[in-house]
N, C-alpha and C. Protein backbone atom coordinates (compact mmCIF):
# COMPACT_ATOMS: atom_id res chain seq x y z
N MET A 1 -24.58 -0.43 -0.77
CA MET A 1 -23.67 -1.18 0.68
C MET A 1 -23.17 -0.12 1.38
N SER A 2 -23.55 -0.39 2.57
CA SER A 2 -23.19 0.87 3.60
C SER A 2 -21.96 0.44 4.22
N VAL A 3 -21.33 1.48 3.98
CA VAL A 3 -19.77 0.91 4.62
C VAL A 3 -19.18 2.27 5.55
N ARG A 4 -18.24 1.61 6.51
CA ARG A 4 -17.63 2.79 7.57
C ARG A 4 -16.70 3.15 6.81
N THR A 5 -16.52 4.54 6.54
CA THR A 5 -15.19 4.93 5.96
C THR A 5 -13.93 5.29 6.80
N PRO A 6 -12.99 5.01 6.25
CA PRO A 6 -11.66 5.04 7.01
C PRO A 6 -11.50 6.57 7.10
N GLU A 7 -11.05 7.18 8.06
CA GLU A 7 -10.81 8.54 8.54
C GLU A 7 -9.50 8.86 8.22
N THR A 8 -8.30 7.86 8.29
CA THR A 8 -7.26 8.41 7.73
C THR A 8 -6.66 7.39 6.93
N VAL A 9 -5.23 7.66 6.41
CA VAL A 9 -4.65 6.63 5.50
C VAL A 9 -4.47 5.40 6.20
N VAL A 10 -4.00 5.57 7.53
CA VAL A 10 -3.68 4.38 8.16
C VAL A 10 -4.99 3.51 8.16
N GLU A 11 -6.03 3.92 8.62
CA GLU A 11 -7.16 3.15 8.66
C GLU A 11 -7.65 2.45 7.32
N LEU A 12 -7.48 3.15 6.30
CA LEU A 12 -7.49 2.72 4.97
C LEU A 12 -6.90 1.61 4.72
N LEU A 13 -5.53 1.72 4.71
CA LEU A 13 -4.65 0.51 4.70
C LEU A 13 -4.90 -0.75 5.63
N GLN A 14 -5.07 -0.52 6.80
CA GLN A 14 -5.47 -1.43 7.83
C GLN A 14 -6.57 -2.11 7.07
N GLU A 15 -7.69 -1.67 6.77
CA GLU A 15 -8.83 -2.36 6.25
C GLU A 15 -8.28 -3.10 5.24
N MET A 16 -7.56 -2.41 4.17
CA MET A 16 -7.51 -3.09 2.86
C MET A 16 -6.69 -4.42 3.13
N VAL A 17 -5.67 -4.42 4.24
CA VAL A 17 -4.78 -5.65 4.21
C VAL A 17 -5.65 -6.72 5.11
N ARG A 18 -6.72 -6.40 5.79
CA ARG A 18 -7.53 -7.21 6.18
C ARG A 18 -8.36 -8.31 5.14
N HIS A 19 -8.32 -7.79 4.01
CA HIS A 19 -9.17 -8.57 3.00
C HIS A 19 -8.09 -9.58 2.53
N GLU A 20 -8.67 -10.82 2.26
CA GLU A 20 -8.10 -11.68 1.41
C GLU A 20 -7.75 -11.56 -0.03
N THR A 21 -6.75 -11.28 -0.40
CA THR A 21 -6.40 -10.83 -1.86
C THR A 21 -5.16 -11.51 -2.45
N VAL A 22 -4.98 -13.03 -1.89
CA VAL A 22 -3.98 -13.56 -2.48
C VAL A 22 -4.40 -13.93 -4.05
N ASN A 23 -3.05 -14.13 -4.72
CA ASN A 23 -3.41 -14.21 -6.10
C ASN A 23 -4.05 -15.49 -6.40
N THR A 24 -4.94 -15.65 -7.30
CA THR A 24 -5.73 -16.70 -8.04
C THR A 24 -4.69 -17.84 -7.93
N ILE A 25 -3.72 -17.64 -8.62
CA ILE A 25 -2.77 -19.01 -8.93
C ILE A 25 -2.44 -19.59 -7.66
N VAL A 26 -2.24 -18.97 -6.55
CA VAL A 26 -1.55 -19.14 -5.35
C VAL A 26 -2.65 -19.72 -4.54
N SER A 27 -4.05 -18.96 -4.43
CA SER A 27 -5.27 -19.23 -3.13
C SER A 27 -5.83 -20.41 -4.18
N GLY A 28 -6.20 -20.52 -5.28
CA GLY A 28 -6.97 -21.15 -5.94
C GLY A 28 -8.57 -20.66 -6.23
N ASN A 29 -8.47 -19.55 -5.46
CA ASN A 29 -9.88 -18.78 -5.51
C ASN A 29 -9.89 -17.66 -6.55
N PRO A 30 -10.51 -17.92 -7.50
CA PRO A 30 -10.63 -16.80 -8.79
C PRO A 30 -11.36 -15.62 -8.12
N PHE A 31 -11.95 -15.23 -7.17
CA PHE A 31 -12.72 -14.07 -6.69
C PHE A 31 -12.05 -13.65 -5.43
N ALA A 32 -10.72 -14.05 -5.28
CA ALA A 32 -10.28 -13.46 -3.98
C ALA A 32 -10.09 -11.81 -3.72
N GLU A 33 -9.92 -11.30 -4.83
CA GLU A 33 -10.00 -9.91 -4.94
C GLU A 33 -11.39 -8.95 -4.88
N ALA A 34 -12.47 -10.10 -5.13
CA ALA A 34 -13.81 -9.22 -5.29
C ALA A 34 -14.32 -8.51 -4.08
N LYS A 35 -14.04 -9.24 -2.86
CA LYS A 35 -14.38 -8.36 -1.59
C LYS A 35 -13.79 -7.14 -1.27
N LEU A 36 -12.47 -6.88 -1.76
CA LEU A 36 -11.70 -5.87 -1.67
C LEU A 36 -12.35 -4.83 -2.69
N THR A 37 -12.68 -5.22 -3.90
CA THR A 37 -12.94 -4.36 -4.97
C THR A 37 -14.35 -3.69 -4.58
N ASP A 38 -15.04 -4.63 -4.05
CA ASP A 38 -16.56 -4.09 -3.54
C ASP A 38 -16.37 -3.13 -2.63
N TRP A 39 -15.37 -3.36 -1.39
CA TRP A 39 -15.24 -2.61 -0.50
C TRP A 39 -14.56 -1.14 -0.96
N LEU A 40 -13.76 -1.29 -1.77
CA LEU A 40 -13.05 0.09 -2.29
C LEU A 40 -13.98 1.00 -2.98
N GLU A 41 -14.81 0.23 -3.63
CA GLU A 41 -15.65 1.07 -4.46
C GLU A 41 -16.78 1.70 -3.72
N ALA A 42 -17.22 1.07 -2.26
CA ALA A 42 -18.21 1.51 -1.50
C ALA A 42 -17.57 2.66 -0.82
N VAL A 43 -16.33 2.55 -0.57
CA VAL A 43 -15.51 3.60 0.17
C VAL A 43 -15.59 5.09 -0.79
N ALA A 44 -14.99 4.90 -1.99
CA ALA A 44 -14.93 5.88 -2.70
C ALA A 44 -16.18 6.64 -3.19
N LYS A 45 -17.37 5.74 -3.16
CA LYS A 45 -18.59 6.44 -3.52
C LYS A 45 -18.97 7.33 -2.35
N ALA A 46 -18.85 6.88 -1.04
CA ALA A 46 -18.95 7.58 0.09
C ALA A 46 -18.18 8.49 0.35
N TRP A 47 -17.21 8.90 -0.26
CA TRP A 47 -16.37 10.02 -0.25
C TRP A 47 -16.75 10.81 -1.61
N GLY A 48 -17.62 10.60 -2.15
CA GLY A 48 -18.21 11.36 -3.17
C GLY A 48 -17.73 11.16 -4.53
N PHE A 49 -16.72 10.06 -4.63
CA PHE A 49 -16.15 9.92 -6.28
C PHE A 49 -17.04 9.13 -6.96
N HIS A 50 -17.12 9.40 -8.44
CA HIS A 50 -18.01 8.43 -9.21
C HIS A 50 -16.95 7.43 -9.58
N THR A 51 -17.50 6.26 -9.46
CA THR A 51 -16.56 5.17 -10.00
C THR A 51 -17.16 4.27 -11.18
N ARG A 52 -16.40 3.43 -11.76
CA ARG A 52 -16.95 2.49 -12.73
C ARG A 52 -15.94 1.30 -12.66
N ARG A 53 -16.58 0.13 -13.04
CA ARG A 53 -15.75 -0.87 -12.79
C ARG A 53 -15.37 -1.42 -14.42
N ILE A 54 -14.22 -1.73 -14.42
CA ILE A 54 -13.69 -2.03 -16.14
C ILE A 54 -13.50 -3.72 -16.06
N GLU A 55 -14.21 -4.37 -16.23
CA GLU A 55 -14.20 -5.84 -16.59
C GLU A 55 -13.12 -6.43 -17.29
N VAL A 56 -12.55 -7.29 -16.60
CA VAL A 56 -11.08 -8.12 -17.44
C VAL A 56 -11.71 -9.61 -17.96
N PRO A 57 -12.25 -9.90 -18.90
CA PRO A 57 -12.96 -11.05 -19.20
C PRO A 57 -11.94 -12.11 -19.12
N GLU A 58 -10.83 -11.89 -19.60
CA GLU A 58 -9.68 -12.84 -19.76
C GLU A 58 -9.45 -13.44 -18.38
N ILE A 59 -9.46 -12.71 -17.33
CA ILE A 59 -9.19 -13.04 -15.91
C ILE A 59 -10.45 -13.02 -15.09
N GLY A 60 -11.72 -12.74 -15.56
CA GLY A 60 -12.69 -12.91 -14.67
C GLY A 60 -12.62 -11.88 -13.61
N ARG A 61 -12.20 -10.88 -13.62
CA ARG A 61 -11.94 -9.76 -12.74
C ARG A 61 -12.54 -8.47 -13.16
N ALA A 62 -12.79 -7.47 -12.10
CA ALA A 62 -13.06 -6.31 -12.56
C ALA A 62 -12.15 -5.26 -11.68
N HIS A 63 -11.65 -4.11 -12.32
CA HIS A 63 -11.00 -3.22 -11.64
C HIS A 63 -11.88 -2.04 -11.60
N VAL A 64 -11.64 -1.25 -10.52
CA VAL A 64 -12.23 0.02 -10.11
C VAL A 64 -11.54 1.15 -10.20
């Protein structure tokens, strides 16, 4: 995934709040956080971090 990396903390936070991450119980969308997870992982990799996802089968989501 090619991603424009934020240059400041403010840009990072602005992009994070643009993603729809409403709790599954409220939104009814079980994958509401997936796009943010994908984006954060791509940004971290672009910055040179090694990442791994930890799947949480009970809730059907992954943490980076």
